[in-house]
C-alpha atoms as a PDB file:
ATOM      1  CA  MET A   1     -23.398   7.435  -7.436  1.00  0.00           C
ATOM      2  CA  SER A   2     -20.879   9.374  -8.697  1.00  0.00           C
ATOM      3  CA  CYS A   3     -16.840   8.894  -8.915  1.00  0.00           C
ATOM      4  CA  PRO A   4     -15.370  10.661  -6.003  1.00  0.00           C
ATOM      5  CA  ILE A   5     -12.439  11.689  -8.393  1.00  0.00           C
ATOM      6  CA  CYS A   6     -13.837  12.770 -12.124  1.00  0.00           C
ATOM      7  CA  LYS A   7     -18.190  13.042 -10.721  1.00  0.00           C
ATOM      8  CA  ARG A   8     -18.749  10.896 -13.894  1.00  0.00           C
ATOM      9  CA  LYS A   9     -21.354   7.715 -13.038  1.00  0.00           C
ATOM     10  CA  THR A  10     -19.056   5.047 -11.372  1.00  0.00           C
ATOM     11  CA  ASP A  11     -18.894   1.062 -13.473  1.00  0.00           C
ATOM     12  CA  ALA A  12     -19.910  -1.475 -11.579  1.00  0.00           C
ATOM     13  CA  GLU A  13     -16.637  -3.540 -11.933  1.00  0.00           C
ATOM     14  CA  TYR A  14     -14.705  -0.418 -10.072  1.00  0.00           C
ATOM     15  CA  ARG A  15     -17.201   1.148  -8.004  1.00  0.00           C
ATOM     16  CA  PRO A  16     -17.485   3.003  -6.597  1.00  0.00           C
ATOM     17  CA  PHE A  17     -14.923   4.670  -8.904  1.00  0.00           C
ATOM     18  CA  CYS A  18     -15.639   5.039 -13.046  1.00  0.00           C
ATOM     19  CA  SER A  19     -12.840   3.418 -14.084  1.00  0.00           C
ATOM     20  CA  LYS A  20      -9.362   1.712 -13.643  1.00  0.00           C
ATOM     21  CA  ARG A  21      -7.725   4.906 -14.196  1.00  0.00           C
ATOM     22  CA  CYS A  22      -9.810   6.552 -11.642  1.00  0.00           C
ATOM     23  CA  ALA A  23      -9.160   3.596  -9.239  1.00  0.00           C
ATOM     24  CA  ASP A  24      -5.356   4.005  -9.556  1.00  0.00           C
ATOM     25  CA  VAL A  25      -5.855   8.178  -8.807  1.00  0.00           C
ATOM     26  CA  ASP A  26      -7.139   6.901  -5.713  1.00  0.00           C
ATOM     27  CA  LEU A  27      -4.804   4.627  -4.910  1.00  0.00           C
ATOM     28  CA  ALA A  28      -1.660   7.061  -5.632  1.00  0.00           C
ATOM     29  CA  HIS A  29      -3.507   9.644  -3.092  1.00  0.00           C
ATOM     30  CA  TRP A  30      -3.597   7.347  -0.540  1.00  0.00           C
ATOM     31  CA  LEU A  31       0.138   5.735  -0.902  1.00  0.00           C
ATOM     32  CA  THR A  32       1.883   9.548  -1.588  1.00  0.00           C
ATOM     33  CA  GLY A  33       0.373  10.008   1.812  1.00  0.00           C
ATOM     34  CA  SER A  34      -2.401  12.834  -0.039  1.00  0.00           C
ATOM     35  CA  TYR A  35      -4.945  11.313   1.958  1.00  0.00           C
ATOM     36  CA  ALA A  36      -4.729  10.524   5.823  1.00  0.00           C
ATOM     37  CA  ILE A  37      -6.994   9.381   8.830  1.00  0.00           C
ATOM     38  CA  PRO A  38      -6.723  11.922  11.066  1.00  0.00           C
ATOM     39  CA  GLY A  39      -5.454  10.797  14.770  1.00  0.00           C
ATOM     40  CA  ASP A  40      -2.995  11.134  17.648  1.00  0.00           C
ATOM     41  CA  VAL A  41       0.565  10.256  16.371  1.00  0.00           C
ATOM     42  CA  ALA A  42       1.891   6.873  17.066  1.00  0.00           C
ATOM     43  CA  GLU A  43       4.751   6.230  19.737  1.00  0.00           C
ATOM     44  CA  ASP A  44       6.099   4.474  17.068  1.00  0.00           C
ATOM     45  CA  ASP A  45       5.473   7.475  14.196  1.00  0.00           C
ATOM     46  CA  ASP A  46       7.531   9.930  16.799  1.00  0.00           C
ATOM     47  CA  PRO A  47      11.195   9.721  15.669  1.00  0.00           C
ATOM     48  CA  ALA A  48      12.095  10.900  19.334  1.00  0.00           C
ATOM     49  CA  ILE A  49      10.692   8.011  20.725  1.00  0.00           C
ATOM     50  CA  ALA A  50      11.995   5.785  18.191  1.00  0.00           C
ATOM     51  CA  GLU A  51      15.467   7.120  18.928  1.00  0.00           C
ATOM     52  CA  ASP A  52      15.488   6.602  22.365  1.00  0.00           C
ATOM     53  CA  ARG A  53      14.001   3.066  21.984  1.00  0.00           C
ATOM     54  CA  GLY A  54      16.981   2.155  20.164  1.00  0.00           C
ATOM     55  CA  ARG A  55      18.933   3.306  22.643  1.00  0.00           C
ATOM     56  CA  GLU A  56      17.718   0.930  25.228  1.00  0.00           C
ATOM     57  CA  SER A  57      18.107  -2.088  23.072  1.00  0.00           C
ATOM     58  CA  LEU A  58      21.763  -1.211  22.817  1.00  0.00           C
ATOM     59  CA  GLY A  59      22.195  -0.820  26.540  1.00  0.00           C
ATOM     60  CA  ARG A  60      20.709  -4.476  26.806  1.00  0.00           C
ATOM     61  CA  GLU A  61      22.541  -6.016  23.454  1.00  0.00           C
ATOM     62  CA  SER A  62      25.881  -4.660  25.308  1.00  0.00           C
ATOM     63  CA  GLY A  63      24.895  -6.053  28.660  1.00  0.00           C
ATOM     64  CA  GLY A  64      23.503  -2.859  30.036  1.00  0.00           C
ATOM     65  CA  ARG A  65      26.630  -0.510  30.008  1.00  0.00           C
ATOM     66  CA  GLU A  66      25.740   2.298  28.331  1.00  0.00           C
ATOM     67  CA  PRO A  67      27.999   2.905  24.431  1.00  0.00           C
ATOM     68  CA  HIS A  68      31.039   5.555  25.195  1.00  0.00           C
END
């Protein structure tokens, strides 16, 4: 098996990577959004839906009245 980052032989300690450096490079790709799992946009990820929910919660906090 070869390291998915640099293609060198993997090290059992860092498998599937060859070193801590390559494991960290891979982690950085996930954390910065370079890697992503394809799928539909979740409701929580849609800013318009989140904004509507914020308005709904404001209405409940003010006794059901819309803010002026």
